[in-house]
PDB file of N, CA and C in Angstrom:
ATOM      1  N   UNK A   1    -139.979 155.788 -29.021  1.00  0.00           N
ATOM      2  CA  UNK A   1    -139.002 155.400 -28.784  1.00  0.00           C
ATOM      3  C   UNK A   1    -138.451 155.583 -27.307  1.00  0.00           C
ATOM      4  N   UNK A   2    -137.731 154.626 -26.846  1.00  0.00           N
ATOM      5  CA  UNK A   2    -137.598 154.549 -25.684  1.00  0.00           C
ATOM      6  C   UNK A   2    -135.951 154.397 -25.324  1.00  0.00           C
ATOM      7  N   UNK A   3    -135.357 155.032 -24.512  1.00  0.00           N
ATOM      8  CA  UNK A   3    -133.800 155.148 -24.980  1.00  0.00           C
ATOM      9  C   UNK A   3    -133.451 154.721 -23.081  1.00  0.00           C
ATOM     10  N   UNK A   4    -132.049 154.284 -22.770  1.00  0.00           N
ATOM     11  CA  UNK A   4    -131.598 154.053 -21.781  1.00  0.00           C
ATOM     12  C   UNK A   4    -130.816 155.175 -21.369  1.00  0.00           C
ATOM     13  N   UNK A   5    -131.035 155.667 -20.208  1.00  0.00           N
ATOM     14  CA  UNK A   5    -130.657 156.828 -19.774  1.00  0.00           C
ATOM     15  C   UNK A   5    -129.407 156.231 -18.253  1.00  0.00           C
ATOM     16  N   UNK A   6    -129.014 157.406 -17.481  1.00  0.00           N
ATOM     17  CA  UNK A   6    -128.043 157.012 -16.888  1.00  0.00           C
ATOM     18  C   UNK A   6    -128.393 156.260 -15.684  1.00  0.00           C
ATOM     19  N   UNK A   7    -129.542 156.727 -15.371  1.00  0.00           N
ATOM     20  CA  UNK A   7    -130.679 156.731 -13.518  1.00  0.00           C
ATOM     21  C   UNK A   7    -131.012 155.128 -14.207  1.00  0.00           C
ATOM     22  N   UNK A   8    -131.410 154.778 -15.527  1.00  0.00           N
ATOM     23  CA  UNK A   8    -132.252 153.047 -15.343  1.00  0.00           C
ATOM     24  C   UNK A   8    -131.182 152.666 -16.753  1.00  0.00           C
ATOM     25  N   UNK A   9    -130.177 152.021 -16.046  1.00  0.00           N
ATOM     26  CA  UNK A   9    -129.188 151.074 -17.171  1.00  0.00           C
ATOM     27  C   UNK A   9    -129.899 150.100 -17.730  1.00  0.00           C
ATOM     28  N   UNK A  10    -130.771 149.524 -17.028  1.00  0.00           N
ATOM     29  CA  UNK A  10    -131.475 147.931 -17.272  1.00  0.00           C
ATOM     30  C   UNK A  10    -132.659 148.060 -18.115  1.00  0.00           C
ATOM     31  N   UNK A  11    -133.198 149.605 -18.291  1.00  0.00           N
ATOM     32  CA  UNK A  11    -134.142 149.628 -18.874  1.00  0.00           C
ATOM     33  C   UNK A  11    -134.200 148.974 -20.463  1.00  0.00           C
ATOM     34  N   UNK A  12    -135.292 148.742 -20.960  1.00  0.00           N
ATOM     35  CA  UNK A  12    -134.826 147.848 -22.419  1.00  0.00           C
ATOM     36  C   UNK A  12    -135.513 148.947 -23.689  1.00  0.00           C
ATOM     37  N   UNK A  13    -134.656 148.879 -24.439  1.00  0.00           N
ATOM     38  CA  UNK A  13    -134.829 149.886 -25.603  1.00  0.00           C
ATOM     39  C   UNK A  13    -135.304 149.593 -26.896  1.00  0.00           C
ATOM     40  N   UNK A  14    -135.929 149.815 -27.193  1.00  0.00           N
ATOM     41  CA  UNK A  14    -136.760 149.963 -28.843  1.00  0.00           C
ATOM     42  C   UNK A  14    -137.036 151.335 -29.701  1.00  0.00           C
ATOM     43  N   UNK A  15    -136.397 150.789 -30.606  1.00  0.00           N
ATOM     44  CA  UNK A  15    -136.050 151.768 -32.014  1.00  0.00           C
ATOM     45  C   UNK A  15    -136.320 151.425 -32.867  1.00  0.00           C
ATOM     46  N   UNK A  16    -136.223 152.497 -33.789  1.00  0.00           N
ATOM     47  CA  UNK A  16    -136.819 152.270 -35.216  1.00  0.00           C
ATOM     48  C   UNK A  16    -135.698 152.797 -36.128  1.00  0.00           C
ATOM     49  N   UNK A  17    -135.501 152.879 -37.654  1.00  0.00           N
ATOM     50  CA  UNK A  17    -134.462 153.015 -38.258  1.00  0.00           C
ATOM     51  C   UNK A  17    -134.624 154.971 -38.642  1.00  0.00           C
ATOM     52  N   UNK A  18    -134.244 155.519 -37.941  1.00  0.00           N
ATOM     53  CA  UNK A  18    -134.175 156.711 -37.659  1.00  0.00           C
ATOM     54  C   UNK A  18    -133.504 157.871 -38.699  1.00  0.00           C
ATOM     55  N   UNK A  19    -132.619 157.010 -39.024  1.00  0.00           N
ATOM     56  CA  UNK A  19    -131.995 157.801 -40.787  1.00  0.00           C
ATOM     57  C   UNK A  19    -132.479 157.904 -41.691  1.00  0.00           C
ATOM     58  N   UNK A  20    -133.624 156.375 -42.056  1.00  0.00           N
ATOM     59  CA  UNK A  20    -134.385 156.920 -43.003  1.00  0.00           C
ATOM     60  C   UNK A  20    -135.189 157.963 -42.951  1.00  0.00           C
ATOM     61  N   UNK A  21    -136.116 158.120 -41.985  1.00  0.00           N
ATOM     62  CA  UNK A  21    -136.839 158.943 -41.408  1.00  0.00           C
ATOM     63  C   UNK A  21    -136.465 160.654 -41.424  1.00  0.00           C
ATOM     64  N   UNK A  22    -135.467 160.638 -40.863  1.00  0.00           N
ATOM     65  CA  UNK A  22    -135.103 162.145 -40.933  1.00  0.00           C
ATOM     66  C   UNK A  22    -134.458 162.507 -42.029  1.00  0.00           C
ATOM     67  N   UNK A  23    -134.040 161.609 -43.316  1.00  0.00           N
ATOM     68  CA  UNK A  23    -133.753 161.610 -44.620  1.00  0.00           C
ATOM     69  C   UNK A  23    -134.954 162.033 -45.456  1.00  0.00           C
ATOM     70  N   UNK A  24    -135.972 161.637 -45.258  1.00  0.00           N
ATOM     71  CA  UNK A  24    -136.929 161.651 -45.782  1.00  0.00           C
ATOM     72  C   UNK A  24    -137.792 163.104 -45.632  1.00  0.00           C
ATOM     73  N   UNK A  25    -137.725 163.661 -44.303  1.00  0.00           N
ATOM     74  CA  UNK A  25    -138.094 164.901 -43.472  1.00  0.00           C
ATOM     75  C   UNK A  25    -137.348 165.869 -43.884  1.00  0.00           C
ATOM     76  N   UNK A  26    -135.878 166.064 -44.393  1.00  0.00           N
ATOM     77  CA  UNK A  26    -135.420 167.100 -44.864  1.00  0.00           C
ATOM     78  C   UNK A  26    -135.549 167.043 -46.112  1.00  0.00           C
ATOM     79  N   UNK A  27    -135.196 165.846 -47.205  1.00  0.00           N
ATOM     80  CA  UNK A  27    -135.715 165.789 -48.544  1.00  0.00           C
ATOM     81  C   UNK A  27    -136.898 166.279 -49.099  1.00  0.00           C
ATOM     82  N   UNK A  28    -138.316 166.908 -48.000  1.00  0.00           N
ATOM     83  CA  UNK A  28    -139.302 166.975 -48.303  1.00  0.00           C
ATOM     84  C   UNK A  28    -139.079 168.776 -48.036  1.00  0.00           C
ATOM     85  N   UNK A  29    -138.525 169.236 -46.842  1.00  0.00           N
ATOM     86  CA  UNK A  29    -138.268 170.304 -46.446  1.00  0.00           C
ATOM     87  C   UNK A  29    -137.346 170.980 -47.769  1.00  0.00           C
ATOM     88  N   UNK A  30    -136.366 170.286 -48.229  1.00  0.00           N
ATOM     89  CA  UNK A  30    -135.567 170.666 -48.978  1.00  0.00           C
ATOM     90  C   UNK A  30    -136.404 170.743 -50.881  1.00  0.00           C
ATOM     91  N   UNK A  31    -137.092 169.919 -50.797  1.00  0.00           N
ATOM     92  CA  UNK A  31    -137.551 170.242 -51.749  1.00  0.00           C
ATOM     93  C   UNK A  31    -138.711 171.293 -52.172  1.00  0.00           C
ATOM     94  N   UNK A  32    -139.212 171.740 -50.863  1.00  0.00           N
ATOM     95  CA  UNK A  32    -140.063 172.813 -51.218  1.00  0.00           C
ATOM     96  C   UNK A  32    -139.529 174.033 -50.771  1.00  0.00           C
ATOM     97  N   UNK A  33    -137.751 173.842 -51.032  1.00  0.00           N
ATOM     98  CA  UNK A  33    -136.933 175.251 -51.241  1.00  0.00           C
ATOM     99  C   UNK A  33    -136.138 175.758 -49.968  1.00  0.00           C
ATOM    100  N   UNK A  34    -136.895 174.764 -48.577  1.00  0.00           N
ATOM    101  CA  UNK A  34    -136.250 175.488 -47.290  1.00  0.00           C
ATOM    102  C   UNK A  34    -134.639 175.074 -47.254  1.00  0.00           C
ATOM    103  N   UNK A  35    -133.855 175.835 -46.835  1.00  0.00           N
ATOM    104  CA  UNK A  35    -132.636 175.862 -46.635  1.00  0.00           C
ATOM    105  C   UNK A  35    -131.820 176.004 -45.333  1.00  0.00           C
ATOM    106  N   UNK A  36    -132.864 176.738 -44.624  1.00  0.00           N
ATOM    107  CA  UNK A  36    -132.536 177.021 -43.038  1.00  0.00           C
ATOM    108  C   UNK A  36    -133.501 175.802 -42.302  1.00  0.00           C
ATOM    109  N   UNK A  37    -132.593 174.856 -42.093  1.00  0.00           N
ATOM    110  CA  UNK A  37    -133.767 173.793 -41.257  1.00  0.00           C
ATOM    111  C   UNK A  37    -132.828 173.663 -39.835  1.00  0.00           C
ATOM    112  N   UNK A  38    -133.831 173.836 -38.658  1.00  0.00           N
ATOM    113  CA  UNK A  38    -133.126 173.690 -37.570  1.00  0.00           C
ATOM    114  C   UNK A  38    -133.719 172.274 -36.730  1.00  0.00           C
ATOM    115  N   UNK A  39    -132.870 171.779 -35.721  1.00  0.00           N
ATOM    116  CA  UNK A  39    -132.891 170.408 -35.068  1.00  0.00           C
ATOM    117  C   UNK A  39    -132.841 170.737 -33.636  1.00  0.00           C
ATOM    118  N   UNK A  40    -134.023 169.822 -33.079  1.00  0.00           N
ATOM    119  CA  UNK A  40    -133.915 170.074 -31.652  1.00  0.00           C
ATOM    120  C   UNK A  40    -133.765 168.892 -31.017  1.00  0.00           C
ATOM    121  N   UNK A  41    -132.851 168.441 -30.150  1.00  0.00           N
ATOM    122  CA  UNK A  41    -132.491 167.384 -29.695  1.00  0.00           C
ATOM    123  C   UNK A  41    -133.164 167.295 -28.371  1.00  0.00           C
ATOM    124  N   UNK A  42    -133.049 165.985 -27.982  1.00  0.00           N
ATOM    125  CA  UNK A  42    -133.039 165.410 -26.369  1.00  0.00           C
ATOM    126  C   UNK A  42    -131.623 165.577 -25.689  1.00  0.00           C
ATOM    127  N   UNK A  43    -131.763 165.212 -24.544  1.00  0.00           N
ATOM    128  CA  UNK A  43    -130.722 165.371 -23.738  1.00  0.00           C
ATOM    129  C   UNK A  43    -129.549 164.736 -24.499  1.00  0.00           C
ATOM    130  N   UNK A  44    -128.307 165.359 -24.698  1.00  0.00           N
ATOM    131  CA  UNK A  44    -127.099 164.816 -24.942  1.00  0.00           C
ATOM    132  C   UNK A  44    -126.695 163.421 -24.431  1.00  0.00           C
ATOM    133  N   UNK A  45    -127.022 163.267 -23.207  1.00  0.00           N
ATOM    134  CA  UNK A  45    -126.464 162.273 -22.532  1.00  0.00           C
ATOM    135  C   UNK A  45    -127.012 160.806 -22.591  1.00  0.00           C
ATOM    136  N   UNK A  46    -128.057 161.149 -23.516  1.00  0.00           N
ATOM    137  CA  UNK A  46    -128.653 159.685 -24.173  1.00  0.00           C
ATOM    138  C   UNK A  46    -128.395 159.219 -25.477  1.00  0.00           C
ATOM    139  N   UNK A  47    -128.030 158.070 -25.746  1.00  0.00           N
ATOM    140  CA  UNK A  47    -127.651 157.426 -27.234  1.00  0.00           C
ATOM    141  C   UNK A  47    -128.248 157.871 -27.964  1.00  0.00           C
ATOM    142  N   UNK A  48    -129.744 157.459 -27.819  1.00  0.00           N
ATOM    143  CA  UNK A  48    -130.347 158.157 -29.082  1.00  0.00           C
ATOM    144  C   UNK A  48    -130.226 159.380 -29.295  1.00  0.00           C
ATOM    145  N   UNK A  49    -130.424 160.782 -28.672  1.00  0.00           N
ATOM    146  CA  UNK A  49    -129.794 161.794 -29.068  1.00  0.00           C
ATOM    147  C   UNK A  49    -128.599 162.312 -30.084  1.00  0.00           C
ATOM    148  N   UNK A  50    -127.560 161.314 -29.530  1.00  0.00           N
ATOM    149  CA  UNK A  50    -126.755 161.456 -30.638  1.00  0.00           C
ATOM    150  C   UNK A  50    -127.138 160.745 -31.777  1.00  0.00           C
ATOM    151  N   UNK A  51    -127.846 159.724 -31.933  1.00  0.00           N
ATOM    152  CA  UNK A  51    -128.368 159.137 -33.118  1.00  0.00           C
ATOM    153  C   UNK A  51    -129.089 159.764 -33.635  1.00  0.00           C
ATOM    154  N   UNK A  52    -129.886 160.401 -33.360  1.00  0.00           N
ATOM    155  CA  UNK A  52    -130.856 161.462 -34.080  1.00  0.00           C
ATOM    156  C   UNK A  52    -130.136 162.633 -34.653  1.00  0.00           C
ATOM    157  N   UNK A  53    -128.975 163.290 -33.946  1.00  0.00           N
ATOM    158  CA  UNK A  53    -128.345 164.246 -34.232  1.00  0.00           C
ATOM    159  C   UNK A  53    -127.488 164.172 -35.414  1.00  0.00           C
ATOM    160  N   UNK A  54    -126.570 162.837 -35.927  1.00  0.00           N
ATOM    161  CA  UNK A  54    -126.000 162.548 -36.392  1.00  0.00           C
ATOM    162  C   UNK A  54    -126.548 162.093 -37.925  1.00  0.00           C
ATOM    163  N   UNK A  55    -127.946 161.391 -37.752  1.00  0.00           N
ATOM    164  CA  UNK A  55    -128.471 160.960 -38.651  1.00  0.00           C
ATOM    165  C   UNK A  55    -129.283 162.794 -39.389  1.00  0.00           C
ATOM    166  N   UNK A  56    -129.741 163.286 -38.606  1.00  0.00           N
ATOM    167  CA  UNK A  56    -130.066 164.584 -39.477  1.00  0.00           C
ATOM    168  C   UNK A  56    -129.015 165.251 -40.229  1.00  0.00           C
ATOM    169  N   UNK A  57    -127.784 165.800 -39.528  1.00  0.00           N
ATOM    170  CA  UNK A  57    -126.384 166.019 -40.131  1.00  0.00           C
ATOM    171  C   UNK A  57    -126.460 165.206 -41.651  1.00  0.00           C
ATOM    172  N   UNK A  58    -126.309 163.869 -41.513  1.00  0.00           N
ATOM    173  CA  UNK A  58    -126.306 162.979 -42.811  1.00  0.00           C
ATOM    174  C   UNK A  58    -127.532 163.421 -43.968  1.00  0.00           C
ATOM    175  N   UNK A  59    -128.661 163.528 -43.232  1.00  0.00           N
ATOM    176  CA  UNK A  59    -129.489 164.100 -43.970  1.00  0.00           C
ATOM    177  C   UNK A  59    -129.396 165.319 -44.755  1.00  0.00           C
ATOM    178  N   UNK A  60    -128.958 166.557 -44.107  1.00  0.00           N
ATOM    179  CA  UNK A  60    -128.870 167.748 -44.836  1.00  0.00           C
ATOM    180  C   UNK A  60    -127.643 167.552 -45.610  1.00  0.00           C
ATOM    181  N   UNK A  61    -126.462 167.026 -45.239  1.00  0.00           N
ATOM    182  CA  UNK A  61    -125.617 167.051 -46.485  1.00  0.00           C
ATOM    183  C   UNK A  61    -125.976 166.224 -47.377  1.00  0.00           C
ATOM    184  N   UNK A  62    -126.603 165.160 -47.502  1.00  0.00           N
ATOM    185  CA  UNK A  62    -127.075 164.705 -48.499  1.00  0.00           C
ATOM    186  C   UNK A  62    -128.184 165.866 -49.395  1.00  0.00           C
ATOM    187  N   UNK A  63    -128.662 166.282 -49.104  1.00  0.00           N
ATOM    188  CA  UNK A  63    -129.455 167.158 -49.408  1.00  0.00           C
ATOM    189  C   UNK A  63    -128.278 168.601 -50.298  1.00  0.00           C
ATOM    190  N   UNK A  64    -127.270 168.557 -49.791  1.00  0.00           N
ATOM    191  CA  UNK A  64    -126.418 169.621 -50.584  1.00  0.00           C
ATOM    192  C   UNK A  64    -126.574 171.038 -49.053  1.00  0.00           C
ATOM    193  N   UNK A  65    -127.081 170.750 -48.110  1.00  0.00           N
ATOM    194  CA  UNK A  65    -127.345 171.833 -47.120  1.00  0.00           C
ATOM    195  C   UNK A  65    -126.015 172.232 -46.300  1.00  0.00           C
ATOM    196  N   UNK A  66    -125.478 173.461 -46.311  1.00  0.00           N
ATOM    197  CA  UNK A  66    -124.394 173.537 -45.380  1.00  0.00           C
ATOM    198  C   UNK A  66    -124.857 173.541 -44.068  1.00  0.00           C
ATOM    199  N   UNK A  67    -124.413 172.916 -42.819  1.00  0.00           N
ATOM    200  CA  UNK A  67    -124.466 172.762 -41.555  1.00  0.00           C
ATOM    201  C   UNK A  67    -123.922 173.892 -40.826  1.00  0.00           C
ATOM    202  N   UNK A  68    -124.483 174.847 -40.296  1.00  0.00           N
ATOM    203  CA  UNK A  68    -123.522 175.514 -39.406  1.00  0.00           C
ATOM    204  C   UNK A  68    -123.599 175.640 -37.955  1.00  0.00           C
TER     205      UNK A  68
END
């Protein structure tokens, strides 16, 4: 995945459906009994970092896991 950062505003962006992929990953870990799942994001100045974080939060909430 490429992202548009402030240093290169004209850079083309290529992305895929992260919501589905984060959902699958979190569902897999939850099915194994995991409830403490960490998430590490990139620089929050990037739009994709915010998108990934939102997708993660949505996925854990759908699995009934409380985000603290």
